[in-house]
Amino acid sequence: MLKVKVNDSQEFDVKQEKDDWSINGEFFDGDVAQLSPHHYHVIWQDRSFNVEVVEHDALTKKTTLKINGKILTTSAKDRFDLLLESMGMSQAVSNKINEIKAPMPGLIQSIAVQEGDTVKKGDTLLVLVAMKMENAIKAPAEATVKSIRTEAGRSVEKNQVLIEFV
């Protein structure tokens, strides 16, 4: 189950059971077609929607979508996030980061921070090029850079530690 909040106001319960999806307990009977890696066409309740994934942060589960030209931001909580939240542990887990690892193999194009820098959540740390696409790796929380374990122009493997934090 996911709890999805849209524009920090509307909240939806989204569930998947095998190939079936439901939103707030109602079966989703729409049609979704992926047109390209970030573009989709959705038909739902006799309406057509053009959906573009503008930005997606898998770590924080936040996504910016453009639906028929209108920008929407979403945040999601999975069952583990909801469990931690119910135990009062969500803030403790989300605020402490020790390191940033490469999400995929690629080439480090540039590094935007130096050792000793304090970064805020969302600051770009470095740019990783993979499959001819530039991927800005951003800080998931506020932290101070302890060490940088790679350099521009170097190839990295998936899960390789790139930056360590204090």
Protein backbone atom coordinates (compact mmCIF):
# COMPACT_ATOMS: atom_id res chain seq x y z
CA MET A 1 0.00 0.00 0.00
CA LEU A 2 1.06 3.57 -0.68
CA LYS A 3 -0.25 6.81 0.75
CA VAL A 4 0.21 9.41 -1.97
CA LYS A 5 -0.14 13.11 -1.25
CA VAL A 6 -0.67 15.50 -4.18
CA ASN A 7 0.42 19.16 -3.85
CA ASP A 8 0.64 18.69 -0.06
CA SER A 9 -3.15 18.61 0.18
CA GLN A 10 -5.10 15.70 -1.35
CA GLU A 11 -4.18 12.25 -0.06
CA PHE A 12 -4.91 8.91 -1.73
CA ASP A 13 -4.54 5.28 -0.65
CA VAL A 14 -3.10 3.31 -3.57
CA LYS A 15 -3.00 -0.49 -3.44
CA GLN A 16 -1.76 -3.12 -5.86
CA GLU A 17 -2.86 -6.73 -5.75
CA LYS A 18 -1.26 -8.75 -8.54
CA ASP A 19 -2.06 -6.75 -11.71
CA ASP A 20 -5.00 -4.84 -10.22
CA TRP A 21 -4.73 -1.34 -8.76
CA SER A 22 -7.17 0.54 -6.54
CA ILE A 23 -7.34 4.18 -5.48
CA ASN A 24 -9.14 4.88 -2.20
CA GLY A 25 -10.72 1.43 -2.42
CA GLU A 26 -12.05 1.87 -5.97
CA PHE A 27 -10.73 -0.36 -8.76
CA PHE A 28 -8.60 1.58 -11.29
CA ASP A 29 -10.00 0.58 -14.68
CA GLY A 30 -8.06 3.10 -16.73
CA ASP A 31 -5.53 2.48 -19.46
CA VAL A 32 -1.88 3.58 -19.16
CA ALA A 33 0.48 3.58 -22.15
CA GLN A 34 4.16 4.51 -21.83
CA LEU A 35 5.15 6.63 -24.84
CA SER A 36 8.79 7.23 -23.81
CA PRO A 37 10.83 6.85 -20.62
CA HIS A 38 9.20 9.94 -19.04
CA HIS A 39 5.94 10.32 -20.99
CA TYR A 40 2.66 8.44 -20.55
CA HIS A 41 -0.84 8.58 -21.95
CA VAL A 42 -3.64 7.74 -19.51
CA ILE A 43 -7.32 7.20 -20.24
CA TRP A 44 -9.46 7.17 -17.12
CA GLN A 45 -13.15 7.89 -16.53
CA ASP A 46 -13.64 8.77 -20.23
CA ARG A 47 -10.89 11.42 -20.05
CA SER A 48 -7.48 11.56 -21.69
CA PHE A 49 -4.35 12.67 -19.80
CA ASN A 50 -0.86 13.39 -21.10
CA VAL A 51 1.56 12.76 -18.23
CA GLU A 52 5.22 13.76 -18.14
CA VAL A 53 7.49 12.79 -15.26
CA VAL A 54 9.43 16.04 -14.82
CA GLU A 55 11.50 14.96 -11.81
CA HIS A 56 11.60 11.86 -9.64
CA ASP A 57 13.59 11.29 -6.45
CA ALA A 58 13.39 7.61 -5.52
CA LEU A 59 15.10 8.19 -2.17
CA THR A 60 12.52 10.65 -0.86
CA LYS A 61 9.69 9.21 -3.00
CA LYS A 62 8.84 12.65 -4.38
CA THR A 63 7.80 13.18 -7.99
CA THR A 64 6.95 16.23 -10.06
CA LEU A 65 4.46 15.53 -12.84
CA LYS A 66 3.09 17.63 -15.67
CA ILE A 67 -0.45 16.44 -16.41
CA ASN A 68 -2.09 18.12 -19.41
CA GLY A 69 0.24 21.07 -18.85
CA LYS A 70 -0.45 21.44 -15.11
CA ILE A 71 2.43 20.83 -12.66
CA LEU A 72 1.69 18.56 -9.69
CA THR A 73 4.03 17.40 -6.96
CA THR A 74 3.51 14.09 -5.23
CA SER A 75 5.03 12.42 -2.21
CA ALA A 76 4.49 8.80 -1.33
CA LYS A 77 4.83 6.71 1.81
CA ASP A 78 5.06 2.94 1.52
CA ARG A 79 4.11 0.48 4.25
CA PHE A 80 7.55 0.76 5.87
CA ASP A 81 7.38 4.57 6.01
CA LEU A 82 3.89 4.32 7.52
CA LEU A 83 5.08 1.79 10.12
CA LEU A 84 8.04 3.99 11.12
CA GLU A 85 5.73 7.00 11.28
CA SER A 86 3.28 5.15 13.52
CA MET A 87 6.19 4.29 15.85
CA GLY A 88 7.36 7.93 15.89
CA MET A 89 10.61 7.06 14.14
CA SER A 90 10.19 8.69 10.73
CA GLN A 91 12.15 11.87 11.51
CA ALA A 92 15.08 10.02 13.07
CA VAL A 93 15.51 7.84 10.00
CA SER A 94 15.11 10.52 7.35
CA ASN A 95 17.45 13.15 8.81
CA LYS A 96 20.68 11.13 9.14
CA ILE A 97 22.68 10.17 6.07
CA ASN A 98 26.16 8.69 6.05
CA GLU A 99 26.98 8.34 2.38
CA ILE A 100 25.80 8.65 -1.20
CA LYS A 101 26.21 5.61 -3.44
CA ALA A 102 26.05 5.41 -7.21
CA PRO A 103 22.48 4.44 -8.18
CA MET A 104 23.78 2.90 -11.43
CA PRO A 105 27.07 2.39 -13.25
CA GLY A 106 28.26 5.42 -15.15
CA LEU A 107 30.79 8.22 -15.54
CA ILE A 108 31.19 11.11 -13.08
CA GLN A 109 30.83 14.24 -15.22
CA SER A 110 31.24 16.85 -12.49
CA ILE A 111 31.33 17.28 -8.72
CA ALA A 112 29.62 20.36 -7.25
CA VAL A 113 30.82 20.07 -3.62
CA GLN A 114 34.09 19.91 -1.72
CA GLU A 115 35.11 18.28 1.52
CA GLY A 116 33.82 20.34 4.45
CA ASP A 117 30.88 21.83 2.52
CA THR A 118 27.50 21.87 4.23
CA VAL A 119 24.72 20.85 1.87
CA LYS A 120 20.97 21.20 2.17
CA LYS A 121 18.35 18.69 1.10
CA GLY A 122 17.98 18.88 -2.68
CA ASP A 123 21.40 20.44 -3.39
CA THR A 124 23.16 18.91 -6.39
CA LEU A 125 26.23 16.96 -5.26
CA LEU A 126 27.47 15.60 -8.58
CA VAL A 127 26.41 14.67 -12.09
CA LEU A 128 26.55 11.01 -13.16
CA VAL A 129 26.26 10.20 -16.88
CA ALA A 130 24.68 6.83 -17.63
CA MET A 131 23.23 5.63 -20.94
CA LYS A 132 23.85 9.09 -22.47
CA MET A 133 21.71 10.78 -19.81
CA GLU A 134 22.94 13.22 -17.18
CA ASN A 135 21.67 12.36 -13.70
CA ALA A 136 22.01 15.01 -11.00
CA ILE A 137 22.66 13.24 -7.71
CA LYS A 138 21.15 15.39 -4.96
CA ALA A 139 21.53 15.53 -1.19
CA PRO A 140 18.68 13.64 0.51
CA ALA A 141 19.08 15.68 3.71
CA GLU A 142 21.17 18.41 5.30
CA ALA A 143 24.73 17.19 5.97
CA THR A 144 28.42 18.09 5.91
CA VAL A 145 30.69 16.48 3.31
CA LYS A 146 33.36 14.37 5.04
CA SER A 147 35.08 12.96 1.98
CA ILE A 148 34.64 12.62 -1.77
CA ARG A 149 35.59 9.14 -2.93
CA THR A 150 35.56 9.74 -6.68
CA GLU A 151 36.56 12.42 -9.17
CA ALA A 152 35.28 13.93 -12.41
CA GLY A 153 36.00 11.72 -15.41
CA ARG A 154 36.06 8.49 -13.39
CA SER A 155 33.80 5.50 -14.09
CA VAL A 156 31.85 4.13 -11.14
CA GLU A 157 29.90 0.95 -10.47
CA LYS A 158 26.42 0.62 -9.00
CA ASN A 159 26.44 1.01 -5.17
CA GLN A 160 29.97 2.41 -5.13
CA VAL A 161 30.33 5.01 -2.36
CA LEU A 162 30.77 8.43 -3.95
CA ILE A 163 30.51 10.86 -1.03
CA GLU A 164 30.69 10.35 2.75
CA PHE A 165 29.08 12.68 5.28
CA VAL A 166 29.98 13.57 8.88
